[in-house]
């Protein structure tokens, strides 16, 4: 078991390679128990999950990855950010790490990624926990397709800073980054930005976004076209769909609509947090994940801890 006090700043030396030839950075966050794969939101990367993984590590062996075009993973040379590619990344990591039906956790885009992966390969995951997954019905996607404020906002993001400390100060001063757990924000600045090399005009101190703002905008645009919602009834394993009580994004109507399509689902609303809950309140979200996956009876009737079944739809706050 790896030291839970250690802060991981680098992925594993060997990257996973997808069937379409992309190198995917993988993180071993350590821990003890059944395997749990953590998948991040658009524009982020694996490292900011560290405060969450540290808390989950007392119940799970936690792994994570940088999705294509994010963090230290390769960018598609053709600029194709269809969300099916994110499912490919997740399954490549599961396969190449040799994980046997791990648990899955996904935040926002990451929630859609694990759902798409499970739809493509039923039974790939034992159980899923999705925090505000970007999974919308056809009519909802049609309403948002004409004007996508997330894509528009991504194109306005500041692409670079004169030094990392300036980036941290900037992000700490305004939402949504100002609302993040300080350690998660520091990990984002450390791993989500890179030093600009001299050949690109860098002076050895300036940093820029690893996930290009144009790519982030294209990812948000592509969110309107993936078919995860239509295949939700094909997911036979347990799924918990969670949102923050203060979210301005994929809140109660979205998770309830998705839950109605999944045979074994439950919903949960966590107070005091918004769309970035896993990075805002990692302790509360970790408690929720542990309780939700503890309730999963599994194929033999025993989850990672003793508990009852997870069927049905419930709202509430997990106990610590």
C-alpha atoms as a PDB file:
ATOM      1  CA  UNK A   1       0.000   0.000   0.000  1.00  0.00           C
ATOM      2  CA  UNK A   2       1.407   3.386  -0.964  1.00  0.00           C
ATOM      3  CA  UNK A   3       1.809   6.112   1.626  1.00  0.00           C
ATOM      4  CA  UNK A   4      -1.479   8.042   1.700  1.00  0.00           C
ATOM      5  CA  UNK A   5       0.346  11.167   2.881  1.00  0.00           C
ATOM      6  CA  UNK A   6       2.424  11.311  -0.299  1.00  0.00           C
ATOM      7  CA  UNK A   7       1.272  13.893  -2.824  1.00  0.00           C
ATOM      8  CA  UNK A   8       1.535  12.429  -6.339  1.00  0.00           C
ATOM      9  CA  UNK A   9       2.901  14.994  -8.751  1.00  0.00           C
ATOM     10  CA  UNK A  10       3.741  12.687 -11.647  1.00  0.00           C
ATOM     11  CA  UNK A  11       1.909   9.931 -13.503  1.00  0.00           C
ATOM     12  CA  UNK A  12       3.272   6.404 -13.767  1.00  0.00           C
ATOM     13  CA  UNK A  13       6.391   6.150 -15.960  1.00  0.00           C
ATOM     14  CA  UNK A  14       4.632   3.964 -18.522  1.00  0.00           C
ATOM     15  CA  UNK A  15       1.605   5.475 -20.213  1.00  0.00           C
ATOM     16  CA  UNK A  16      -1.287   3.408 -21.529  1.00  0.00           C
ATOM     17  CA  UNK A  17      -1.745   3.383 -25.279  1.00  0.00           C
ATOM     18  CA  UNK A  18      -5.222   3.530 -26.808  1.00  0.00           C
ATOM     19  CA  UNK A  19      -6.252   1.519 -29.880  1.00  0.00           C
ATOM     20  CA  UNK A  20      -6.044   4.759 -31.878  1.00  0.00           C
ATOM     21  CA  UNK A  21      -2.446   5.284 -30.790  1.00  0.00           C
ATOM     22  CA  UNK A  22      -2.686   7.968 -28.080  1.00  0.00           C
ATOM     23  CA  UNK A  23      -0.577   7.872 -24.947  1.00  0.00           C
ATOM     24  CA  UNK A  24      -2.702   8.243 -21.811  1.00  0.00           C
ATOM     25  CA  UNK A  25      -1.119   9.349 -18.531  1.00  0.00           C
ATOM     26  CA  UNK A  26      -2.101   7.165 -15.575  1.00  0.00           C
ATOM     27  CA  UNK A  27      -1.900   7.973 -11.870  1.00  0.00           C
ATOM     28  CA  UNK A  28      -1.623   5.528  -8.995  1.00  0.00           C
ATOM     29  CA  UNK A  29      -3.088   7.326  -5.988  1.00  0.00           C
ATOM     30  CA  UNK A  30      -2.622   4.291  -3.767  1.00  0.00           C
ATOM     31  CA  UNK A  31      -4.992   3.089  -1.111  1.00  0.00           C
ATOM     32  CA  UNK A  32      -6.256  -0.262   0.090  1.00  0.00           C
ATOM     33  CA  UNK A  33      -9.280  -2.212  -1.074  1.00  0.00           C
ATOM     34  CA  UNK A  34     -11.030  -2.823  -4.392  1.00  0.00           C
ATOM     35  CA  UNK A  35      -9.924  -0.805  -7.405  1.00  0.00           C
ATOM     36  CA  UNK A  36     -11.631   2.526  -8.110  1.00  0.00           C
ATOM     37  CA  UNK A  37     -10.961   4.516 -11.298  1.00  0.00           C
ATOM     38  CA  UNK A  38     -11.447   8.308 -11.064  1.00  0.00           C
ATOM     39  CA  UNK A  39     -12.170  10.280 -14.259  1.00  0.00           C
ATOM     40  CA  UNK A  40     -12.013  14.081 -14.365  1.00  0.00           C
ATOM     41  CA  UNK A  41     -14.065  16.908 -15.873  1.00  0.00           C
ATOM     42  CA  UNK A  42     -13.419  18.839 -19.091  1.00  0.00           C
ATOM     43  CA  UNK A  43     -10.406  21.143 -18.850  1.00  0.00           C
ATOM     44  CA  UNK A  44      -9.070  19.498 -15.698  1.00  0.00           C
ATOM     45  CA  UNK A  45      -6.808  16.475 -15.201  1.00  0.00           C
ATOM     46  CA  UNK A  46      -6.232  13.689 -12.713  1.00  0.00           C
ATOM     47  CA  UNK A  47      -3.992  15.444 -10.183  1.00  0.00           C
ATOM     48  CA  UNK A  48      -6.673  17.706  -8.603  1.00  0.00           C
ATOM     49  CA  UNK A  49      -8.446  14.505  -7.501  1.00  0.00           C
ATOM     50  CA  UNK A  50      -5.654  13.875  -4.994  1.00  0.00           C
ATOM     51  CA  UNK A  51      -7.517  15.312  -1.935  1.00  0.00           C
ATOM     52  CA  UNK A  52     -10.516  13.136  -2.860  1.00  0.00           C
ATOM     53  CA  UNK A  53      -8.389  10.050  -3.541  1.00  0.00           C
ATOM     54  CA  UNK A  54      -6.509  10.436  -0.256  1.00  0.00           C
ATOM     55  CA  UNK A  55      -9.787  10.179   1.618  1.00  0.00           C
ATOM     56  CA  UNK A  56     -11.078   7.332  -0.541  1.00  0.00           C
ATOM     57  CA  UNK A  57      -7.791   5.464  -0.145  1.00  0.00           C
ATOM     58  CA  UNK A  58      -8.832   4.002   3.182  1.00  0.00           C
ATOM     59  CA  UNK A  59     -11.506   1.988   1.381  1.00  0.00           C
ATOM     60  CA  UNK A  60     -10.294   1.745  -2.235  1.00  0.00           C
ATOM     61  CA  UNK A  61      -7.149   1.428  -4.335  1.00  0.00           C
ATOM     62  CA  UNK A  62      -7.495   4.601  -6.396  1.00  0.00           C
ATOM     63  CA  UNK A  63      -6.346   5.085  -9.982  1.00  0.00           C
ATOM     64  CA  UNK A  64      -6.892   7.996 -12.331  1.00  0.00           C
ATOM     65  CA  UNK A  65      -5.983   9.182 -15.818  1.00  0.00           C
ATOM     66  CA  UNK A  66      -5.651  12.301 -17.906  1.00  0.00           C
ATOM     67  CA  UNK A  67      -8.184  12.079 -20.731  1.00  0.00           C
ATOM     68  CA  UNK A  68      -6.910  12.743 -24.248  1.00  0.00           C
ATOM     69  CA  UNK A  69      -6.057  16.394 -24.773  1.00  0.00           C
ATOM     70  CA  UNK A  70      -5.758  16.965 -21.019  1.00  0.00           C
ATOM     71  CA  UNK A  71      -2.862  16.996 -18.589  1.00  0.00           C
ATOM     72  CA  UNK A  72       0.034  14.854 -19.739  1.00  0.00           C
ATOM     73  CA  UNK A  73      -1.918  12.720 -22.204  1.00  0.00           C
ATOM     74  CA  UNK A  74      -1.618  13.038 -25.955  1.00  0.00           C
ATOM     75  CA  UNK A  75      -3.820  15.320 -27.983  1.00  0.00           C
ATOM     76  CA  UNK A  76      -5.579  13.773 -31.013  1.00  0.00           C
ATOM     77  CA  UNK A  77      -3.579  14.951 -34.012  1.00  0.00           C
ATOM     78  CA  UNK A  78      -6.772  15.391 -36.026  1.00  0.00           C
ATOM     79  CA  UNK A  79      -8.424  17.467 -33.287  1.00  0.00           C
ATOM     80  CA  UNK A  80     -11.329  15.009 -33.053  1.00  0.00           C
ATOM     81  CA  UNK A  81     -12.809  15.233 -29.565  1.00  0.00           C
ATOM     82  CA  UNK A  82     -15.861  13.024 -30.005  1.00  0.00           C
ATOM     83  CA  UNK A  83     -16.700  11.795 -26.513  1.00  0.00           C
ATOM     84  CA  UNK A  84     -16.464   8.187 -27.639  1.00  0.00           C
ATOM     85  CA  UNK A  85     -12.710   8.779 -27.457  1.00  0.00           C
ATOM     86  CA  UNK A  86     -12.913   9.407 -23.719  1.00  0.00           C
ATOM     87  CA  UNK A  87     -14.603   6.022 -23.259  1.00  0.00           C
ATOM     88  CA  UNK A  88     -11.748   4.530 -25.283  1.00  0.00           C
ATOM     89  CA  UNK A  89      -9.225   6.143 -22.904  1.00  0.00           C
ATOM     90  CA  UNK A  90     -10.988   4.752 -19.832  1.00  0.00           C
ATOM     91  CA  UNK A  91     -11.223   1.216 -21.194  1.00  0.00           C
ATOM     92  CA  UNK A  92      -7.586   1.282 -22.346  1.00  0.00           C
ATOM     93  CA  UNK A  93      -6.502   2.114 -18.802  1.00  0.00           C
ATOM     94  CA  UNK A  94      -8.716  -0.581 -17.268  1.00  0.00           C
ATOM     95  CA  UNK A  95      -7.341  -3.153 -19.700  1.00  0.00           C
ATOM     96  CA  UNK A  96      -3.666  -2.259 -19.551  1.00  0.00           C
ATOM     97  CA  UNK A  97      -3.640  -2.020 -15.757  1.00  0.00           C
ATOM     98  CA  UNK A  98      -5.339  -5.414 -15.647  1.00  0.00           C
ATOM     99  CA  UNK A  99      -8.202  -4.192 -13.459  1.00  0.00           C
ATOM    100  CA  UNK A 100     -10.970  -6.753 -12.954  1.00  0.00           C
ATOM    101  CA  UNK A 101     -14.358  -4.998 -12.880  1.00  0.00           C
ATOM    102  CA  UNK A 102     -13.235  -1.966 -10.878  1.00  0.00           C
ATOM    103  CA  UNK A 103     -15.567   0.609  -9.403  1.00  0.00           C
ATOM    104  CA  UNK A 104     -15.797   3.808 -11.449  1.00  0.00           C
ATOM    105  CA  UNK A 105     -16.135   7.469 -10.444  1.00  0.00           C
ATOM    106  CA  UNK A 106     -16.667  10.231 -12.965  1.00  0.00           C
ATOM    107  CA  UNK A 107     -17.096  13.984 -12.608  1.00  0.00           C
ATOM    108  CA  UNK A 108     -18.948  15.910 -15.333  1.00  0.00           C
ATOM    109  CA  UNK A 109     -17.299  14.826 -18.614  1.00  0.00           C
ATOM    110  CA  UNK A 110     -15.706  12.004 -16.634  1.00  0.00           C
ATOM    111  CA  UNK A 111     -19.160  10.824 -15.566  1.00  0.00           C
ATOM    112  CA  UNK A 112     -20.214  10.612 -19.181  1.00  0.00           C
ATOM    113  CA  UNK A 113     -16.941   8.842 -20.019  1.00  0.00           C
ATOM    114  CA  UNK A 114     -17.493   6.003 -17.530  1.00  0.00           C
ATOM    115  CA  UNK A 115     -21.134   5.637 -18.601  1.00  0.00           C
ATOM    116  CA  UNK A 116     -20.109   5.494 -22.268  1.00  0.00           C
ATOM    117  CA  UNK A 117     -17.425   2.937 -21.387  1.00  0.00           C
ATOM    118  CA  UNK A 118     -19.925   0.751 -19.534  1.00  0.00           C
ATOM    119  CA  UNK A 119     -22.388   1.020 -22.420  1.00  0.00           C
ATOM    120  CA  UNK A 120     -19.712  -0.056 -24.890  1.00  0.00           C
ATOM    121  CA  UNK A 121     -18.564  -2.949 -22.726  1.00  0.00           C
ATOM    122  CA  UNK A 122     -21.301  -4.084 -20.312  1.00  0.00           C
ATOM    123  CA  UNK A 123     -19.835  -5.293 -17.052  1.00  0.00           C
ATOM    124  CA  UNK A 124     -16.567  -3.373 -17.419  1.00  0.00           C
ATOM    125  CA  UNK A 125     -17.337  -1.749 -14.060  1.00  0.00           C
ATOM    126  CA  UNK A 126     -18.815  -3.301 -10.960  1.00  0.00           C
ATOM    127  CA  UNK A 127     -20.639  -0.099 -10.012  1.00  0.00           C
ATOM    128  CA  UNK A 128     -20.513   3.577 -11.018  1.00  0.00           C
ATOM    129  CA  UNK A 129     -20.742   6.866  -9.143  1.00  0.00           C
ATOM    130  CA  UNK A 130     -21.278   9.872 -11.411  1.00  0.00           C
ATOM    131  CA  UNK A 131     -21.204  13.447 -10.116  1.00  0.00           C
ATOM    132  CA  UNK A 132     -23.229  15.636 -12.501  1.00  0.00           C
ATOM    133  CA  UNK A 133     -22.410  13.598 -15.616  1.00  0.00           C
ATOM    134  CA  UNK A 134     -22.848  15.446 -18.906  1.00  0.00           C
ATOM    135  CA  UNK A 135     -25.536  13.101 -20.187  1.00  0.00           C
ATOM    136  CA  UNK A 136     -28.609  14.714 -21.722  1.00  0.00           C
ATOM    137  CA  UNK A 137     -31.691  13.572 -23.551  1.00  0.00           C
ATOM    138  CA  UNK A 138     -32.089  14.382 -27.231  1.00  0.00           C
ATOM    139  CA  UNK A 139     -34.464  17.301 -26.591  1.00  0.00           C
ATOM    140  CA  UNK A 140     -32.132  18.750 -23.942  1.00  0.00           C
ATOM    141  CA  UNK A 141     -29.173  18.523 -26.311  1.00  0.00           C
ATOM    142  CA  UNK A 142     -31.192  20.180 -29.062  1.00  0.00           C
ATOM    143  CA  UNK A 143     -32.076  23.107 -26.788  1.00  0.00           C
ATOM    144  CA  UNK A 144     -28.403  23.684 -25.974  1.00  0.00           C
ATOM    145  CA  UNK A 145     -26.929  23.027 -29.416  1.00  0.00           C
ATOM    146  CA  UNK A 146     -27.782  26.440 -30.827  1.00  0.00           C
ATOM    147  CA  UNK A 147     -25.848  28.349 -28.187  1.00  0.00           C
ATOM    148  CA  UNK A 148     -23.272  26.667 -25.997  1.00  0.00           C
ATOM    149  CA  UNK A 149     -22.150  29.033 -23.219  1.00  0.00           C
ATOM    150  CA  UNK A 150     -19.600  26.512 -21.932  1.00  0.00           C
ATOM    151  CA  UNK A 151     -17.819  26.468 -25.296  1.00  0.00           C
ATOM    152  CA  UNK A 152     -18.008  30.234 -25.525  1.00  0.00           C
ATOM    153  CA  UNK A 153     -16.538  30.613 -22.050  1.00  0.00           C
ATOM    154  CA  UNK A 154     -13.710  28.166 -22.809  1.00  0.00           C
ATOM    155  CA  UNK A 155     -12.609  30.249 -25.797  1.00  0.00           C
ATOM    156  CA  UNK A 156     -12.264  33.264 -23.505  1.00  0.00           C
ATOM    157  CA  UNK A 157     -10.013  31.504 -20.980  1.00  0.00           C
ATOM    158  CA  UNK A 158      -6.658  33.071 -20.344  1.00  0.00           C
ATOM    159  CA  UNK A 159      -4.199  30.700 -22.064  1.00  0.00           C
ATOM    160  CA  UNK A 160      -0.965  31.598 -20.243  1.00  0.00           C
ATOM    161  CA  UNK A 161       0.614  33.324 -17.245  1.00  0.00           C
ATOM    162  CA  UNK A 162       4.074  34.816 -16.653  1.00  0.00           C
ATOM    163  CA  UNK A 163       4.719  32.272 -13.888  1.00  0.00           C
ATOM    164  CA  UNK A 164       2.855  29.546 -11.985  1.00  0.00           C
ATOM    165  CA  UNK A 165       2.382  31.690  -8.879  1.00  0.00           C
ATOM    166  CA  UNK A 166       0.544  34.262 -10.993  1.00  0.00           C
ATOM    167  CA  UNK A 167      -1.768  31.554 -12.274  1.00  0.00           C
ATOM    168  CA  UNK A 168      -2.512  30.385  -8.732  1.00  0.00           C
ATOM    169  CA  UNK A 169      -3.202  33.936  -7.563  1.00  0.00           C
ATOM    170  CA  UNK A 170      -5.481  34.547 -10.537  1.00  0.00           C
ATOM    171  CA  UNK A 171      -7.490  31.370 -10.065  1.00  0.00           C
ATOM    172  CA  UNK A 172      -7.731  31.871  -6.300  1.00  0.00           C
ATOM    173  CA  UNK A 173      -9.401  35.242  -6.801  1.00  0.00           C
ATOM    174  CA  UNK A 174     -12.481  34.285  -8.803  1.00  0.00           C
ATOM    175  CA  UNK A 175     -14.977  31.463  -9.201  1.00  0.00           C
ATOM    176  CA  UNK A 176     -15.218  28.679 -10.009  1.00  0.00           C
ATOM    177  CA  UNK A 177     -11.561  28.039  -9.162  1.00  0.00           C
ATOM    178  CA  UNK A 178     -11.710  30.186  -6.024  1.00  0.00           C
ATOM    179  CA  UNK A 179     -14.280  27.758  -4.620  1.00  0.00           C
ATOM    180  CA  UNK A 180     -12.014  24.729  -4.970  1.00  0.00           C
ATOM    181  CA  UNK A 181     -10.257  23.028  -2.092  1.00  0.00           C
ATOM    182  CA  UNK A 182      -6.878  24.830  -1.892  1.00  0.00           C
ATOM    183  CA  UNK A 183      -4.910  21.620  -2.313  1.00  0.00           C
ATOM    184  CA  UNK A 184      -6.966  20.605  -5.346  1.00  0.00           C
ATOM    185  CA  UNK A 185      -6.360  24.031  -6.898  1.00  0.00           C
ATOM    186  CA  UNK A 186      -2.623  23.793  -6.285  1.00  0.00           C
ATOM    187  CA  UNK A 187      -2.582  20.378  -7.936  1.00  0.00           C
ATOM    188  CA  UNK A 188      -4.461  21.815 -10.914  1.00  0.00           C
ATOM    189  CA  UNK A 189      -1.927  24.617 -11.374  1.00  0.00           C
ATOM    190  CA  UNK A 190       0.960  22.157 -11.001  1.00  0.00           C
ATOM    191  CA  UNK A 191      -0.380  19.535 -13.420  1.00  0.00           C
ATOM    192  CA  UNK A 192      -2.866  21.408 -15.589  1.00  0.00           C
ATOM    193  CA  UNK A 193      -0.329  23.980 -16.785  1.00  0.00           C
ATOM    194  CA  UNK A 194       3.067  23.463 -18.400  1.00  0.00           C
ATOM    195  CA  UNK A 195       6.171  25.609 -18.778  1.00  0.00           C
ATOM    196  CA  UNK A 196       6.325  27.280 -22.184  1.00  0.00           C
ATOM    197  CA  UNK A 197       9.498  26.018 -23.918  1.00  0.00           C
ATOM    198  CA  UNK A 198      12.030  28.496 -25.252  1.00  0.00           C
ATOM    199  CA  UNK A 199      11.251  27.647 -28.874  1.00  0.00           C
ATOM    200  CA  UNK A 200       7.669  28.791 -28.230  1.00  0.00           C
ATOM    201  CA  UNK A 201       8.814  32.064 -26.714  1.00  0.00           C
ATOM    202  CA  UNK A 202       9.059  30.949 -23.119  1.00  0.00           C
ATOM    203  CA  UNK A 203      11.596  32.294 -20.637  1.00  0.00           C
ATOM    204  CA  UNK A 204      11.635  29.261 -18.378  1.00  0.00           C
ATOM    205  CA  UNK A 205       9.004  30.700 -16.042  1.00  0.00           C
ATOM    206  CA  UNK A 206       5.902  31.340 -18.154  1.00  0.00           C
ATOM    207  CA  UNK A 207       3.208  28.656 -18.101  1.00  0.00           C
ATOM    208  CA  UNK A 208       0.246  27.801 -20.309  1.00  0.00           C
ATOM    209  CA  UNK A 209      -2.789  25.535 -20.201  1.00  0.00           C
ATOM    210  CA  UNK A 210      -2.064  21.927 -21.111  1.00  0.00           C
ATOM    211  CA  UNK A 211      -5.661  21.568 -22.309  1.00  0.00           C
ATOM    212  CA  UNK A 212      -5.817  24.200 -25.043  1.00  0.00           C
ATOM    213  CA  UNK A 213      -8.760  26.524 -24.726  1.00  0.00           C
ATOM    214  CA  UNK A 214      -9.752  25.811 -28.341  1.00  0.00           C
ATOM    215  CA  UNK A 215      -9.760  22.092 -27.584  1.00  0.00           C
ATOM    216  CA  UNK A 216     -11.789  22.643 -24.430  1.00  0.00           C
ATOM    217  CA  UNK A 217     -14.360  24.571 -26.475  1.00  0.00           C
ATOM    218  CA  UNK A 218     -14.497  21.754 -29.037  1.00  0.00           C
ATOM    219  CA  UNK A 219     -15.022  19.222 -26.238  1.00  0.00           C
ATOM    220  CA  UNK A 220     -17.959  21.214 -24.873  1.00  0.00           C
ATOM    221  CA  UNK A 221     -19.396  21.428 -28.383  1.00  0.00           C
ATOM    222  CA  UNK A 222     -19.010  17.678 -28.880  1.00  0.00           C
ATOM    223  CA  UNK A 223     -20.954  17.105 -25.649  1.00  0.00           C
ATOM    224  CA  UNK A 224     -24.117  17.813 -27.630  1.00  0.00           C
ATOM    225  CA  UNK A 225     -23.591  14.834 -29.924  1.00  0.00           C
ATOM    226  CA  UNK A 226     -22.659  11.784 -27.863  1.00  0.00           C
ATOM    227  CA  UNK A 227     -25.465   9.199 -27.459  1.00  0.00           C
ATOM    228  CA  UNK A 228     -24.935   8.078 -23.864  1.00  0.00           C
ATOM    229  CA  UNK A 229     -28.475   8.975 -22.780  1.00  0.00           C
ATOM    230  CA  UNK A 230     -30.141   6.786 -25.385  1.00  0.00           C
ATOM    231  CA  UNK A 231     -28.202   3.723 -24.185  1.00  0.00           C
ATOM    232  CA  UNK A 232     -28.642   4.180 -20.427  1.00  0.00           C
ATOM    233  CA  UNK A 233     -31.268   1.386 -20.222  1.00  0.00           C
ATOM    234  CA  UNK A 234     -28.546  -1.051 -21.331  1.00  0.00           C
ATOM    235  CA  UNK A 235     -26.528  -0.470 -18.134  1.00  0.00           C
ATOM    236  CA  UNK A 236     -27.394  -3.315 -15.775  1.00  0.00           C
ATOM    237  CA  UNK A 237     -25.014  -2.567 -12.909  1.00  0.00           C
ATOM    238  CA  UNK A 238     -25.676  -0.152 -10.025  1.00  0.00           C
ATOM    239  CA  UNK A 239     -25.251   3.559 -10.765  1.00  0.00           C
ATOM    240  CA  UNK A 240     -25.359   6.471  -8.317  1.00  0.00           C
ATOM    241  CA  UNK A 241     -26.062   9.868  -9.880  1.00  0.00           C
ATOM    242  CA  UNK A 242     -25.178  12.813  -7.670  1.00  0.00           C
ATOM    243  CA  UNK A 243     -25.363  16.597  -7.934  1.00  0.00           C
ATOM    244  CA  UNK A 244     -24.554  19.565  -5.774  1.00  0.00           C
ATOM    245  CA  UNK A 245     -27.503  21.347  -4.164  1.00  0.00           C
ATOM    246  CA  UNK A 246     -26.092  24.692  -5.331  1.00  0.00           C
ATOM    247  CA  UNK A 247     -25.178  23.662  -8.862  1.00  0.00           C
ATOM    248  CA  UNK A 248     -25.893  25.850 -11.861  1.00  0.00           C
ATOM    249  CA  UNK A 249     -25.077  23.041 -14.283  1.00  0.00           C
ATOM    250  CA  UNK A 250     -26.297  19.428 -14.398  1.00  0.00           C
ATOM    251  CA  UNK A 251     -28.558  19.400 -11.371  1.00  0.00           C
ATOM    252  CA  UNK A 252     -31.645  17.560 -10.202  1.00  0.00           C
ATOM    253  CA  UNK A 253     -33.630  17.543 -13.493  1.00  0.00           C
ATOM    254  CA  UNK A 254     -30.653  16.082 -15.351  1.00  0.00           C
ATOM    255  CA  UNK A 255     -29.741  13.353 -12.879  1.00  0.00           C
ATOM    256  CA  UNK A 256     -33.383  12.381 -12.355  1.00  0.00           C
ATOM    257  CA  UNK A 257     -33.933  12.122 -16.106  1.00  0.00           C
ATOM    258  CA  UNK A 258     -30.864   9.892 -16.422  1.00  0.00           C
ATOM    259  CA  UNK A 259     -31.768   7.809 -13.372  1.00  0.00           C
ATOM    260  CA  UNK A 260     -35.214   7.091 -14.821  1.00  0.00           C
ATOM    261  CA  UNK A 261     -33.485   5.333 -17.737  1.00  0.00           C
ATOM    262  CA  UNK A 262     -31.075   3.181 -15.698  1.00  0.00           C
ATOM    263  CA  UNK A 263     -32.557  -0.028 -14.238  1.00  0.00           C
ATOM    264  CA  UNK A 264     -30.480   0.005 -10.998  1.00  0.00           C
ATOM    265  CA  UNK A 265     -29.990   3.644 -10.095  1.00  0.00           C
ATOM    266  CA  UNK A 266     -30.173   6.032  -7.197  1.00  0.00           C
ATOM    267  CA  UNK A 267     -29.834   9.801  -6.986  1.00  0.00           C
ATOM    268  CA  UNK A 268     -28.288  11.945  -4.300  1.00  0.00           C
ATOM    269  CA  UNK A 269     -28.108  15.694  -3.699  1.00  0.00           C
ATOM    270  CA  UNK A 270     -25.168  16.960  -1.673  1.00  0.00           C
ATOM    271  CA  UNK A 271     -25.621  20.275   0.190  1.00  0.00           C
ATOM    272  CA  UNK A 272     -23.182  23.152   0.194  1.00  0.00           C
ATOM    273  CA  UNK A 273     -21.539  22.526  -3.153  1.00  0.00           C
ATOM    274  CA  UNK A 274     -21.972  23.204  -6.845  1.00  0.00           C
ATOM    275  CA  UNK A 275     -20.921  21.530 -10.064  1.00  0.00           C
ATOM    276  CA  UNK A 276     -17.298  21.249  -8.923  1.00  0.00           C
ATOM    277  CA  UNK A 277     -18.238  19.417  -5.727  1.00  0.00           C
ATOM    278  CA  UNK A 278     -15.532  16.716  -5.918  1.00  0.00           C
ATOM    279  CA  UNK A 279     -12.888  19.453  -6.048  1.00  0.00           C
ATOM    280  CA  UNK A 280     -14.709  21.826  -3.663  1.00  0.00           C
ATOM    281  CA  UNK A 281     -15.582  19.442  -0.840  1.00  0.00           C
ATOM    282  CA  UNK A 282     -13.551  16.258  -1.318  1.00  0.00           C
ATOM    283  CA  UNK A 283     -14.327  15.010   2.191  1.00  0.00           C
ATOM    284  CA  UNK A 284     -18.105  15.190   1.790  1.00  0.00           C
ATOM    285  CA  UNK A 285     -17.986  13.670  -1.687  1.00  0.00           C
ATOM    286  CA  UNK A 286     -15.681  10.879  -0.481  1.00  0.00           C
ATOM    287  CA  UNK A 287     -18.174  10.056   2.296  1.00  0.00           C
ATOM    288  CA  UNK A 288     -20.940   9.904  -0.290  1.00  0.00           C
ATOM    289  CA  UNK A 289     -18.919   7.644  -2.594  1.00  0.00           C
ATOM    290  CA  UNK A 290     -18.047   5.256   0.244  1.00  0.00           C
ATOM    291  CA  UNK A 291     -21.671   5.020   1.363  1.00  0.00           C
ATOM    292  CA  UNK A 292     -22.973   4.563  -2.183  1.00  0.00           C
ATOM    293  CA  UNK A 293     -20.489   1.871  -3.134  1.00  0.00           C
ATOM    294  CA  UNK A 294     -20.782   0.209   0.270  1.00  0.00           C
ATOM    295  CA  UNK A 295     -24.479  -0.230  -0.504  1.00  0.00           C
ATOM    296  CA  UNK A 296     -23.630  -2.041  -3.749  1.00  0.00           C
ATOM    297  CA  UNK A 297     -24.327  -5.717  -3.012  1.00  0.00           C
ATOM    298  CA  UNK A 298     -22.162  -6.850  -5.933  1.00  0.00           C
ATOM    299  CA  UNK A 299     -22.664 -10.077  -7.835  1.00  0.00           C
ATOM    300  CA  UNK A 300     -22.011 -12.226  -4.746  1.00  0.00           C
ATOM    301  CA  UNK A 301     -23.926 -10.053  -2.302  1.00  0.00           C
ATOM    302  CA  UNK A 302     -20.926  -8.394  -0.661  1.00  0.00           C
ATOM    303  CA  UNK A 303     -19.651  -4.901  -1.475  1.00  0.00           C
ATOM    304  CA  UNK A 304     -16.424  -3.303  -0.251  1.00  0.00           C
ATOM    305  CA  UNK A 305     -18.086  -3.078   3.153  1.00  0.00           C
ATOM    306  CA  UNK A 306     -21.233  -4.556   4.608  1.00  0.00           C
ATOM    307  CA  UNK A 307     -24.449  -2.846   3.641  1.00  0.00           C
ATOM    308  CA  UNK A 308     -27.799  -3.133   1.962  1.00  0.00           C
ATOM    309  CA  UNK A 309     -28.846  -2.857  -1.645  1.00  0.00           C
ATOM    310  CA  UNK A 310     -28.591   0.250  -3.768  1.00  0.00           C
ATOM    311  CA  UNK A 311     -31.727  -0.009  -5.863  1.00  0.00           C
ATOM    312  CA  UNK A 312     -34.317   2.731  -6.071  1.00  0.00           C
ATOM    313  CA  UNK A 313     -34.100   6.516  -6.132  1.00  0.00           C
ATOM    314  CA  UNK A 314     -33.166   8.396  -2.990  1.00  0.00           C
ATOM    315  CA  UNK A 315     -32.161  11.921  -2.114  1.00  0.00           C
ATOM    316  CA  UNK A 316     -30.201  12.865   0.935  1.00  0.00           C
ATOM    317  CA  UNK A 317     -26.883  13.382   2.609  1.00  0.00           C
ATOM    318  CA  UNK A 318     -24.479  10.497   3.329  1.00  0.00           C
ATOM    319  CA  UNK A 319     -23.411   9.854   6.871  1.00  0.00           C
ATOM    320  CA  UNK A 320     -19.719  10.262   7.648  1.00  0.00           C
END
